[in-house]
């Protein structure tokens, strides 16, 4: 009998999962079978695997938003977040109670017989009283029970305070005797049963252990900041600066933007609507664009952010009209969003490559690395390679390589573009051959040599007029022979291929 899984109830999810698995299988096979697999293949495999994981847990993560659907019993709510506990843990409050107080509670004054103590402890367990016990003898006749009070919290929220160095109990304001978090299995069992009875899926605790919790007050603060983005300029600037700071420091605040379809439009409203008399305020634009960059780092946000109608156009506008920091961060945001193949296509179709190449041509040191990374990621798709070539990428890249600016990143882009016929033709026309041969001679970087010889191999296969330059280089410096002996395995293969063709050409000439 076939196994049923998390995707079975949704045909669209089944189709998407199948597509991702096939793509992952193809990439893994390429890594395993090809000795000279590229790092970009590994990155693509990682992205595909992440997308598959995200899809698998999508249904489960949606079920976590219980506060929008149901009101749970107060006993099941975390005292800090006021939301249903997913991973209840016990923390010692540091407050002690002795037997006269406790035993009055259950109608016992003394505990001489073991069965009475066992009965009380059983009662405590049954009703989830969070106490721990230790027995001391006050006299030869009286056995006194000392009880340490303990409180139950949801792990992410109490853990957040402990990580910040706070050892004060939120409920009692007593110093915690220790910071060990003990799972409250009974409470979790009761919550699980409550959820099961209502058809709610509760995530495994392990999925939440390392996440930063968001309290109700923090969520309210987040919403108030978004509301300020529709206020006057001073309020917008203040709110944008704080959102930038929060999304930089706290991954949980990045995740909040994925919970509402209105959050990103509210964030961007000052840039899309607020055309002030003197144009967009540069500081406000920088804070909003940088907040977008911070949001894009969160994997679950990438698709949502890129597909929000205003995002890509505003990032493209920021590439052209912002401060250099804004322009650099806009490029970084496009790079981060382009981790998803669907986003690569969307960004390319939106016309982002032309302003990216223009910014690369300007050569500002602060922006170069982010711009080059964005162009590289986008050019992984064939359609974007064609767009990049059409928008002048080859000319700009060769100019920067000649000026020895960010050679590592730009050679990687050039090697990727060399699979496009128009790019190869343009490289030949723009004098790429002597430029790349010089890089091979001068650089000590094996990866740069490999990219250069790969491009040269492609150029020479497509343009026989370049053989003369290659032969002269080989006769003068022995550049290709040196690489065929001491390069990476891929470099050796490409260099040997060029040498074979050179020798074949010489033999044909002598024969003729």
Protein backbone atom coordinates (compact mmCIF):
# COMPACT_ATOMS: atom_id res chain seq x y z
CA UNK A 1 0.00 0.00 0.00
CA UNK A 2 1.38 3.42 -0.92
CA UNK A 3 2.40 5.69 1.88
CA UNK A 4 0.46 8.86 2.44
CA UNK A 5 2.36 12.03 3.16
CA UNK A 6 2.02 15.69 3.94
CA UNK A 7 1.51 16.56 0.26
CA UNK A 8 -1.21 14.02 -0.54
CA UNK A 9 -4.17 16.27 0.17
CA UNK A 10 -3.03 19.01 -2.22
CA UNK A 11 -2.40 18.13 -5.89
CA UNK A 12 -0.51 21.39 -6.46
CA UNK A 13 1.88 20.56 -3.64
CA UNK A 14 2.32 17.03 -5.01
CA UNK A 15 3.25 18.41 -8.43
CA UNK A 16 5.64 20.97 -6.96
CA UNK A 17 7.29 18.36 -4.73
CA UNK A 18 7.75 16.01 -7.69
CA UNK A 19 9.31 18.80 -9.75
CA UNK A 20 11.71 19.71 -6.93
CA UNK A 21 12.71 16.07 -6.40
CA UNK A 22 13.50 15.63 -10.10
CA UNK A 23 15.58 18.80 -10.11
CA UNK A 24 17.42 17.72 -6.95
CA UNK A 25 18.08 14.29 -8.48
CA UNK A 26 19.52 15.92 -11.60
CA UNK A 27 21.80 18.24 -9.61
CA UNK A 28 23.03 15.51 -7.26
CA UNK A 29 23.77 13.26 -10.25
CA UNK A 30 25.78 16.10 -11.82
CA UNK A 31 27.78 16.51 -8.61
CA UNK A 32 28.42 12.79 -8.22
CA UNK A 33 29.20 12.01 -11.87
CA UNK A 34 31.24 15.08 -12.80
CA UNK A 35 34.66 15.31 -11.20
CA UNK A 36 34.81 19.03 -11.99
CA UNK A 37 31.36 20.04 -10.80
CA UNK A 38 31.01 23.76 -10.12
CA UNK A 39 30.17 25.42 -6.82
CA UNK A 40 27.07 26.90 -8.42
CA UNK A 41 25.72 23.35 -8.89
CA UNK A 42 26.14 22.76 -5.16
CA UNK A 43 24.37 26.05 -4.40
CA UNK A 44 21.50 25.12 -6.72
CA UNK A 45 21.19 21.72 -5.02
CA UNK A 46 21.11 23.41 -1.60
CA UNK A 47 18.43 25.87 -2.78
CA UNK A 48 16.33 23.04 -4.23
CA UNK A 49 16.64 21.03 -1.04
CA UNK A 50 15.65 24.07 1.02
CA UNK A 51 12.62 24.64 -1.21
CA UNK A 52 11.57 21.01 -0.77
CA UNK A 53 11.95 21.29 3.00
CA UNK A 54 9.96 24.53 3.00
CA UNK A 55 7.20 22.87 0.99
CA UNK A 56 7.07 19.88 3.33
CA UNK A 57 6.65 22.04 6.40
CA UNK A 58 4.38 24.61 4.81
CA UNK A 59 1.20 22.89 5.92
CA UNK A 60 2.62 22.33 9.37
CA UNK A 61 3.84 25.90 9.81
CA UNK A 62 0.48 27.28 8.79
CA UNK A 63 -1.12 25.30 11.56
CA UNK A 64 0.98 27.19 14.10
CA UNK A 65 -1.06 30.36 13.66
CA UNK A 66 -3.68 29.09 16.08
CA UNK A 67 -4.35 32.40 17.73
CA UNK A 68 -6.06 33.57 14.53
CA UNK A 69 -8.40 30.57 14.49
CA UNK A 70 -9.14 29.33 17.99
CA UNK A 71 -8.92 30.50 21.57
CA UNK A 72 -7.19 27.91 23.71
CA UNK A 73 -7.61 27.33 27.47
CA UNK A 74 -5.73 29.86 29.57
CA UNK A 75 -3.75 27.05 31.23
CA UNK A 76 -2.28 26.14 27.85
CA UNK A 77 -1.01 29.66 27.13
CA UNK A 78 2.56 30.74 27.75
CA UNK A 79 2.62 33.49 30.44
CA UNK A 80 5.04 35.46 28.25
CA UNK A 81 3.59 35.18 24.74
CA UNK A 82 -0.06 34.64 25.76
CA UNK A 83 -0.22 32.06 22.96
CA UNK A 84 -0.65 28.30 22.89
CA UNK A 85 2.51 26.56 24.12
CA UNK A 86 4.15 24.29 21.56
CA UNK A 87 7.09 23.17 23.69
CA UNK A 88 6.20 23.65 27.39
CA UNK A 89 9.18 23.63 29.73
CA UNK A 90 9.56 24.08 33.47
CA UNK A 91 11.92 26.62 35.00
CA UNK A 92 12.72 26.89 38.70
CA UNK A 93 11.58 30.24 40.14
CA UNK A 94 13.90 30.22 43.14
CA UNK A 95 10.96 30.63 45.55
CA UNK A 96 10.56 28.04 48.36
CA UNK A 97 7.48 26.93 50.27
CA UNK A 98 7.56 24.71 53.36
CA UNK A 99 5.25 21.95 54.50
CA UNK A 100 2.80 23.82 56.77
CA UNK A 101 1.64 25.96 53.84
CA UNK A 102 1.62 23.14 51.31
CA UNK A 103 0.06 20.54 53.53
CA UNK A 104 -2.73 22.90 54.54
CA UNK A 105 -3.52 23.00 50.85
CA UNK A 106 -4.12 19.25 50.74
CA UNK A 107 -5.35 18.78 54.28
CA UNK A 108 -2.13 17.22 55.66
CA UNK A 109 -0.01 18.70 58.46
CA UNK A 110 2.67 16.07 58.76
CA UNK A 111 4.08 13.44 56.52
CA UNK A 112 5.27 10.55 58.64
CA UNK A 113 4.09 7.80 56.33
CA UNK A 114 5.63 7.32 52.91
CA UNK A 115 2.28 6.59 51.35
CA UNK A 116 0.96 10.07 52.28
CA UNK A 117 3.93 11.72 50.60
CA UNK A 118 3.53 9.47 47.57
CA UNK A 119 -0.16 10.34 47.46
CA UNK A 120 0.61 14.06 47.52
CA UNK A 121 3.24 13.75 44.83
CA UNK A 122 0.84 11.73 42.68
CA UNK A 123 -1.80 14.43 43.20
CA UNK A 124 0.72 17.07 42.20
CA UNK A 125 1.58 15.16 39.04
CA UNK A 126 -2.04 14.53 38.14
CA UNK A 127 -3.00 18.19 38.33
CA UNK A 128 0.26 19.48 36.87
CA UNK A 129 1.32 21.44 39.96
CA UNK A 130 4.82 22.57 39.04
CA UNK A 131 6.57 21.81 42.33
CA UNK A 132 9.68 19.83 43.22
CA UNK A 133 10.21 18.20 46.59
CA UNK A 134 13.02 17.54 49.01
CA UNK A 135 12.62 15.99 52.45
CA UNK A 136 14.47 17.12 55.58
CA UNK A 137 14.18 15.98 59.18
CA UNK A 138 13.39 18.82 61.57
CA UNK A 139 13.19 16.42 64.53
CA UNK A 140 13.28 12.70 65.13
CA UNK A 141 9.52 12.53 64.65
CA UNK A 142 8.62 15.10 62.00
CA UNK A 143 9.50 14.79 58.32
CA UNK A 144 9.27 18.21 56.72
CA UNK A 145 8.80 18.70 52.97
CA UNK A 146 10.51 21.70 51.37
CA UNK A 147 8.93 22.61 48.05
CA UNK A 148 10.48 24.65 45.27
CA UNK A 149 7.92 26.46 43.10
CA UNK A 150 8.32 26.06 39.36
CA UNK A 151 6.60 27.68 36.37
CA UNK A 152 5.81 26.41 32.89
CA UNK A 153 6.63 28.49 29.80
CA UNK A 154 6.92 27.94 26.06
CA UNK A 155 10.57 27.16 25.40
CA UNK A 156 11.37 29.81 22.71
CA UNK A 157 10.04 32.66 24.84
CA UNK A 158 11.71 31.82 28.14
CA UNK A 159 14.87 30.79 26.27
CA UNK A 160 15.01 34.20 24.64
CA UNK A 161 15.29 35.91 28.02
CA UNK A 162 17.82 33.43 29.34
CA UNK A 163 20.03 33.89 26.27
CA UNK A 164 19.99 37.62 26.96
CA UNK A 165 21.36 36.94 30.46
CA UNK A 166 18.12 37.52 32.36
CA UNK A 167 17.97 35.23 35.42
CA UNK A 168 14.86 36.83 36.98
CA UNK A 169 11.62 34.82 36.91
CA UNK A 170 9.04 36.83 34.88
CA UNK A 171 6.21 35.77 37.20
CA UNK A 172 7.72 35.93 40.70
CA UNK A 173 10.60 38.36 40.08
CA UNK A 174 12.78 35.94 42.08
CA UNK A 175 16.30 35.04 41.00
CA UNK A 176 16.25 31.69 39.20
CA UNK A 177 18.12 29.00 41.10
CA UNK A 178 19.33 27.61 37.74
CA UNK A 179 18.56 28.00 34.05
CA UNK A 180 17.90 24.36 33.20
CA UNK A 181 14.72 23.99 31.14
CA UNK A 182 12.89 20.74 31.88
CA UNK A 183 10.30 19.54 29.35
CA UNK A 184 6.80 19.40 30.84
CA UNK A 185 5.68 16.23 29.08
CA UNK A 186 2.31 16.03 30.80
CA UNK A 187 1.26 19.53 29.76
CA UNK A 188 2.45 18.89 26.23
CA UNK A 189 0.45 15.66 26.15
CA UNK A 190 -2.67 17.54 27.25
CA UNK A 191 -2.10 20.28 24.65
CA UNK A 192 -1.49 17.67 21.94
CA UNK A 193 -4.73 15.91 22.83
CA UNK A 194 -6.61 19.22 22.82
CA UNK A 195 -5.23 20.03 19.37
CA UNK A 196 -5.93 16.53 18.07
CA UNK A 197 -9.57 16.76 19.15
CA UNK A 198 -9.89 19.94 17.07
CA UNK A 199 -7.98 18.73 14.02
CA UNK A 200 -5.04 21.06 14.65
CA UNK A 201 -1.51 19.91 13.82
CA UNK A 202 1.05 20.80 16.47
CA UNK A 203 4.68 21.04 15.35
CA UNK A 204 7.41 18.92 16.87
CA UNK A 205 9.28 20.76 19.64
CA UNK A 206 12.58 20.43 17.80
CA UNK A 207 11.33 22.81 15.11
CA UNK A 208 10.98 25.60 17.64
CA UNK A 209 13.90 25.14 19.99
CA UNK A 210 16.27 27.45 18.14
CA UNK A 211 13.77 30.06 17.06
CA UNK A 212 13.49 33.43 18.76
CA UNK A 213 10.03 33.84 20.22
CA UNK A 214 7.79 36.81 19.54
CA UNK A 215 5.66 38.01 22.40
CA UNK A 216 2.25 39.57 22.03
CA UNK A 217 3.63 42.98 22.98
CA UNK A 218 6.38 42.67 20.35
CA UNK A 219 3.82 41.75 17.70
CA UNK A 220 1.73 44.77 18.70
CA UNK A 221 4.83 46.96 18.45
CA UNK A 222 5.53 45.57 14.99
CA UNK A 223 1.99 46.45 13.85
CA UNK A 224 2.24 49.94 15.32
CA UNK A 225 5.47 50.55 13.39
CA UNK A 226 3.78 49.51 10.15
CA UNK A 227 0.92 51.90 10.88
CA UNK A 228 3.43 54.72 11.33
CA UNK A 229 4.66 54.09 7.79
CA UNK A 230 1.43 55.72 6.61
CA UNK A 231 1.86 58.79 8.85
CA UNK A 232 3.87 61.97 8.34
CA UNK A 233 7.53 62.03 7.31
CA UNK A 234 8.99 62.24 10.85
CA UNK A 235 6.98 59.20 11.98
CA UNK A 236 7.85 57.31 8.79
CA UNK A 237 11.57 57.96 9.26
CA UNK A 238 11.44 56.86 12.90
CA UNK A 239 9.47 53.69 12.13
CA UNK A 240 11.62 52.76 9.11
CA UNK A 241 14.82 53.13 11.12
CA UNK A 242 13.47 50.92 13.90
CA UNK A 243 12.19 48.27 11.47
CA UNK A 244 15.61 48.23 9.83
CA UNK A 245 17.26 47.69 13.20
CA UNK A 246 14.78 45.02 14.39
CA UNK A 247 14.93 42.99 11.18
CA UNK A 248 18.72 43.10 11.29
CA UNK A 249 19.00 41.90 14.90
CA UNK A 250 16.00 39.58 15.24
CA UNK A 251 15.19 36.84 12.71
CA UNK A 252 11.78 36.50 14.34
CA UNK A 253 10.85 40.01 13.17
CA UNK A 254 11.78 39.06 9.62
CA UNK A 255 9.40 36.13 9.87
CA UNK A 256 6.56 38.43 11.00
CA UNK A 257 6.47 40.03 7.54
CA UNK A 258 5.48 36.67 6.10
CA UNK A 259 2.43 36.37 8.35
CA UNK A 260 0.42 39.13 6.67
CA UNK A 261 -0.11 40.02 3.02
CA UNK A 262 -0.38 43.69 4.03
CA UNK A 263 2.94 44.01 5.89
CA UNK A 264 5.21 44.57 2.87
CA UNK A 265 2.86 47.04 1.10
CA UNK A 266 2.69 49.00 4.38
CA UNK A 267 6.48 49.01 4.63
CA UNK A 268 6.84 50.27 1.06
CA UNK A 269 4.02 52.81 1.14
CA UNK A 270 6.33 55.83 1.74
CA UNK A 271 8.30 54.99 -1.41
CA UNK A 272 5.31 54.15 -3.60
CA UNK A 273 2.95 56.89 -2.43
CA UNK A 274 5.05 59.40 -0.55
CA UNK A 275 6.53 61.40 -3.40
CA UNK A 276 7.42 64.47 -1.40
CA UNK A 277 7.99 67.86 -2.98
CA UNK A 278 11.74 67.27 -3.10
CA UNK A 279 11.41 63.61 -4.08
CA UNK A 280 11.86 60.57 -1.85
CA UNK A 281 13.75 61.31 1.35
CA UNK A 282 17.14 59.56 0.87
CA UNK A 283 17.49 58.42 4.48
CA UNK A 284 13.96 57.01 4.50
CA UNK A 285 14.58 55.22 1.19
CA UNK A 286 17.80 53.69 2.52
CA UNK A 287 16.10 52.38 5.67
CA UNK A 288 13.17 50.87 3.75
CA UNK A 289 15.38 49.23 1.10
CA UNK A 290 17.72 47.87 3.78
CA UNK A 291 14.72 46.46 5.66
CA UNK A 292 13.71 44.70 2.43
CA UNK A 293 17.22 43.25 2.25
CA UNK A 294 16.93 41.99 5.83
CA UNK A 295 13.54 40.39 5.09
CA UNK A 296 14.95 38.64 2.03
CA UNK A 297 17.51 36.78 4.11
CA UNK A 298 14.68 34.77 5.70
CA UNK A 299 14.17 31.78 3.37
CA UNK A 300 10.42 31.60 3.88
CA UNK A 301 10.11 35.26 2.81
CA UNK A 302 11.94 35.08 -0.52
CA UNK A 303 9.00 34.12 -2.72
CA UNK A 304 6.51 36.31 -0.85
CA UNK A 305 8.78 39.37 -1.01
CA UNK A 306 9.70 39.01 -4.69
CA UNK A 307 6.10 38.46 -5.77
CA UNK A 308 4.81 41.51 -3.90
CA UNK A 309 3.96 43.84 -6.82
CA UNK A 310 5.90 46.88 -5.62
CA UNK A 311 9.12 45.22 -4.47
CA UNK A 312 11.11 44.59 -7.69
CA UNK A 313 10.18 47.96 -9.32
CA UNK A 314 11.19 49.84 -6.16
CA UNK A 315 14.47 47.92 -5.92
CA UNK A 316 15.20 48.76 -9.57
CA UNK A 317 14.41 52.41 -8.87
CA UNK A 318 16.70 52.34 -5.83
CA UNK A 319 19.55 50.95 -8.00
CA UNK A 320 19.39 54.10 -10.09
CA UNK A 321 18.39 56.93 -7.78
CA UNK A 322 19.41 56.19 -4.19
CA UNK A 323 22.52 56.91 -2.17
CA UNK A 324 25.38 54.54 -2.88
CA UNK A 325 24.51 52.60 0.30
CA UNK A 326 20.89 52.32 -0.85
CA UNK A 327 21.95 51.20 -4.32
CA UNK A 328 24.34 48.63 -2.90
CA UNK A 329 21.66 47.26 -0.55
CA UNK A 330 19.14 47.12 -3.40
CA UNK A 331 21.62 45.00 -5.38
CA UNK A 332 22.19 42.80 -2.32
CA UNK A 333 18.43 42.34 -1.95
CA UNK A 334 18.12 41.25 -5.59
CA UNK A 335 21.01 38.83 -5.07
CA UNK A 336 19.35 37.31 -2.00
CA UNK A 337 15.93 37.04 -3.65
CA UNK A 338 17.45 35.43 -6.75
CA UNK A 339 18.30 32.31 -4.76
CA UNK A 340 14.94 30.96 -6.01
CA UNK A 341 14.76 30.08 -9.71
CA UNK A 342 11.26 31.51 -10.00
CA UNK A 343 12.59 34.80 -8.62
CA UNK A 344 15.49 34.80 -11.10
CA UNK A 345 13.00 34.75 -13.95
CA UNK A 346 10.79 37.40 -12.36
CA UNK A 347 13.69 39.77 -11.63
CA UNK A 348 15.12 39.31 -15.14
CA UNK A 349 11.78 39.99 -16.83
CA UNK A 350 11.35 43.12 -14.70
CA UNK A 351 14.44 44.68 -16.28
CA UNK A 352 16.79 44.61 -13.29
CA UNK A 353 19.91 43.55 -15.22
CA UNK A 354 20.34 46.83 -17.11
CA UNK A 355 20.59 49.05 -13.98
CA UNK A 356 22.75 46.41 -12.27
CA UNK A 357 25.20 46.47 -15.20
CA UNK A 358 25.13 50.29 -15.19
CA UNK A 359 26.00 50.29 -11.48
CA UNK A 360 28.78 47.78 -12.16
CA UNK A 361 30.10 50.10 -14.86
CA UNK A 362 30.27 52.97 -12.37
CA UNK A 363 32.65 50.84 -10.34
CA UNK A 364 31.91 52.21 -6.87
CA UNK A 365 33.88 50.02 -4.41
CA UNK A 366 30.98 49.85 -1.93
CA UNK A 367 28.58 48.40 -4.49
CA UNK A 368 30.76 46.26 -6.75
CA UNK A 369 30.65 42.98 -4.82
CA UNK A 370 26.87 43.03 -4.27
CA UNK A 371 26.21 43.99 -7.89
CA UNK A 372 28.52 41.27 -9.25
CA UNK A 373 26.89 38.67 -6.99
CA UNK A 374 23.41 39.68 -8.17
CA UNK A 375 24.39 39.54 -11.86
CA UNK A 376 26.05 36.14 -11.38
CA UNK A 377 22.99 34.63 -9.70
CA UNK A 378 20.58 36.02 -12.27
CA UNK A 379 22.68 34.79 -15.21
CA UNK A 380 22.34 31.19 -14.13
CA UNK A 381 19.19 31.08 -16.28
CA UNK A 382 19.63 31.11 -20.06
CA UNK A 383 17.05 33.86 -20.58
CA UNK A 384 18.89 36.20 -18.24
CA UNK A 385 22.22 35.48 -19.96
CA UNK A 386 20.68 36.79 -23.19
CA UNK A 387 19.37 39.86 -21.37
CA UNK A 388 22.75 40.54 -19.75
CA UNK A 389 24.58 40.29 -23.10
CA UNK A 390 22.03 42.57 -24.74
CA UNK A 391 22.40 45.10 -21.89
CA UNK A 392 26.18 45.37 -22.29
CA UNK A 393 27.49 42.98 -19.62
CA UNK A 394 30.43 41.64 -21.67
CA UNK A 395 31.88 45.07 -22.48
CA UNK A 396 31.54 46.28 -18.89
CA UNK A 397 32.99 43.12 -17.36
CA UNK A 398 36.04 43.08 -19.67
CA UNK A 399 36.70 46.73 -18.90
CA UNK A 400 36.69 46.06 -15.16
CA UNK A 401 38.90 42.97 -15.51
CA UNK A 402 41.43 45.03 -17.48
CA UNK A 403 41.37 47.54 -14.63
CA UNK A 404 41.88 44.65 -12.17
CA UNK A 405 38.64 45.38 -10.31
CA UNK A 406 36.90 42.42 -8.59
CA UNK A 407 38.51 40.03 -11.05
CA UNK A 408 37.42 36.88 -9.17
CA UNK A 409 33.69 37.64 -9.32
CA UNK A 410 33.73 39.06 -12.84
CA UNK A 411 35.64 36.13 -14.35
CA UNK A 412 33.01 33.81 -12.89
CA UNK A 413 30.28 35.82 -14.64
CA UNK A 414 32.24 35.87 -17.90
CA UNK A 415 32.69 32.08 -17.76
CA UNK A 416 28.95 31.68 -17.27
CA UNK A 417 28.12 34.03 -20.16
CA UNK A 418 30.49 32.12 -22.47
CA UNK A 419 27.79 29.49 -22.97
CA UNK A 420 25.82 32.11 -24.93
CA UNK A 421 26.91 32.41 -28.62
CA UNK A 422 26.39 36.17 -28.81
CA UNK A 423 28.54 36.68 -25.71
CA UNK A 424 31.37 34.58 -27.20
CA UNK A 425 31.23 36.57 -30.43
CA UNK A 426 31.38 39.83 -28.50
CA UNK A 427 34.29 38.63 -26.36
CA UNK A 428 36.30 37.93 -29.51
CA UNK A 429 35.51 41.36 -30.94
CA UNK A 430 36.43 43.15 -27.68
CA UNK A 431 39.86 41.57 -27.32
CA UNK A 432 39.10 39.10 -24.56
CA UNK A 433 41.83 36.63 -25.63
CA UNK A 434 44.96 38.69 -24.73
CA UNK A 435 43.21 40.00 -21.62
CA UNK A 436 42.46 36.50 -20.32
CA UNK A 437 45.90 35.15 -21.23
CA UNK A 438 47.46 37.95 -19.20
CA UNK A 439 45.28 37.08 -16.20
CA UNK A 440 46.42 33.43 -16.41
CA UNK A 441 50.06 34.53 -16.39
CA UNK A 442 49.68 36.98 -13.52
CA UNK A 443 47.22 35.39 -11.11
CA UNK A 444 47.97 32.75 -8.49
CA UNK A 445 44.30 31.86 -8.09
CA UNK A 446 43.50 28.42 -9.51
CA UNK A 447 39.81 29.24 -9.90
CA UNK A 448 40.57 32.37 -11.92
CA UNK A 449 42.93 30.44 -14.20
CA UNK A 450 40.22 27.81 -14.65
CA UNK A 451 37.57 30.38 -15.61
CA UNK A 452 39.96 32.09 -18.04
CA UNK A 453 40.97 28.90 -19.84
CA UNK A 454 37.34 27.75 -20.02
CA UNK A 455 36.36 31.01 -21.75
CA UNK A 456 39.39 30.84 -24.07
CA UNK A 457 38.52 27.25 -25.01
CA UNK A 458 35.00 28.32 -25.98
CA UNK A 459 36.20 31.37 -27.93
CA UNK A 460 38.74 29.32 -29.88
CA UNK A 461 36.20 26.63 -30.74
CA UNK A 462 33.88 29.25 -32.19
CA UNK A 463 36.38 31.63 -33.80
CA UNK A 464 39.33 30.13 -35.72
CA UNK A 465 40.86 33.58 -36.23
CA UNK A 466 41.94 33.57 -32.57
CA UNK A 467 44.29 30.59 -32.97
CA UNK A 468 47.09 32.88 -34.08
CA UNK A 469 46.98 34.85 -30.81
CA UNK A 470 46.93 31.65 -28.79
CA UNK A 471 49.89 30.18 -30.71
CA UNK A 472 51.94 33.36 -30.27
CA UNK A 473 51.21 33.33 -26.53
CA UNK A 474 52.21 29.69 -26.27
CA UNK A 475 55.43 30.22 -28.22
CA UNK A 476 56.41 33.24 -26.11
CA UNK A 477 55.33 32.26 -22.60
CA UNK A 478 54.18 28.63 -22.67
CA UNK A 479 51.09 29.74 -20.76
CA UNK A 480 48.77 26.99 -21.97
CA UNK A 481 51.34 24.21 -21.50
CA UNK A 482 52.02 25.34 -17.93
CA UNK A 483 48.31 25.22 -17.13
CA UNK A 484 47.92 21.79 -18.78
CA UNK A 485 50.53 20.46 -16.35
CA UNK A 486 49.82 22.34 -13.11
CA UNK A 487 46.24 23.57 -13.21
CA UNK A 488 43.07 22.19 -11.67
CA UNK A 489 41.66 19.07 -13.31
CA UNK A 490 39.23 21.18 -15.34
CA UNK A 491 41.98 23.64 -16.28
CA UNK A 492 44.20 20.78 -17.43
CA UNK A 493 41.42 19.36 -19.57
CA UNK A 494 40.60 22.69 -21.24
CA UNK A 495 44.27 23.60 -21.74
CA UNK A 496 45.02 20.18 -23.21
CA UNK A 497 42.07 20.59 -25.57
CA UNK A 498 43.50 23.89 -26.83
CA UNK A 499 47.00 22.40 -27.24
CA UNK A 500 45.60 19.43 -29.18
CA UNK A 501 43.89 21.78 -31.60
CA UNK A 502 47.04 23.89 -31.92
CA UNK A 503 49.09 20.79 -32.76
CA UNK A 504 46.45 19.57 -35.19
CA UNK A 505 46.48 22.94 -36.94
CA UNK A 506 50.28 22.86 -37.18
CA UNK A 507 50.23 19.31 -38.60
CA UNK A 508 47.63 20.24 -41.18
CA UNK A 509 49.72 23.24 -42.23
CA UNK A 510 52.88 21.13 -42.63
CA UNK A 511 50.95 18.45 -44.53
CA UNK A 512 49.54 21.01 -46.90
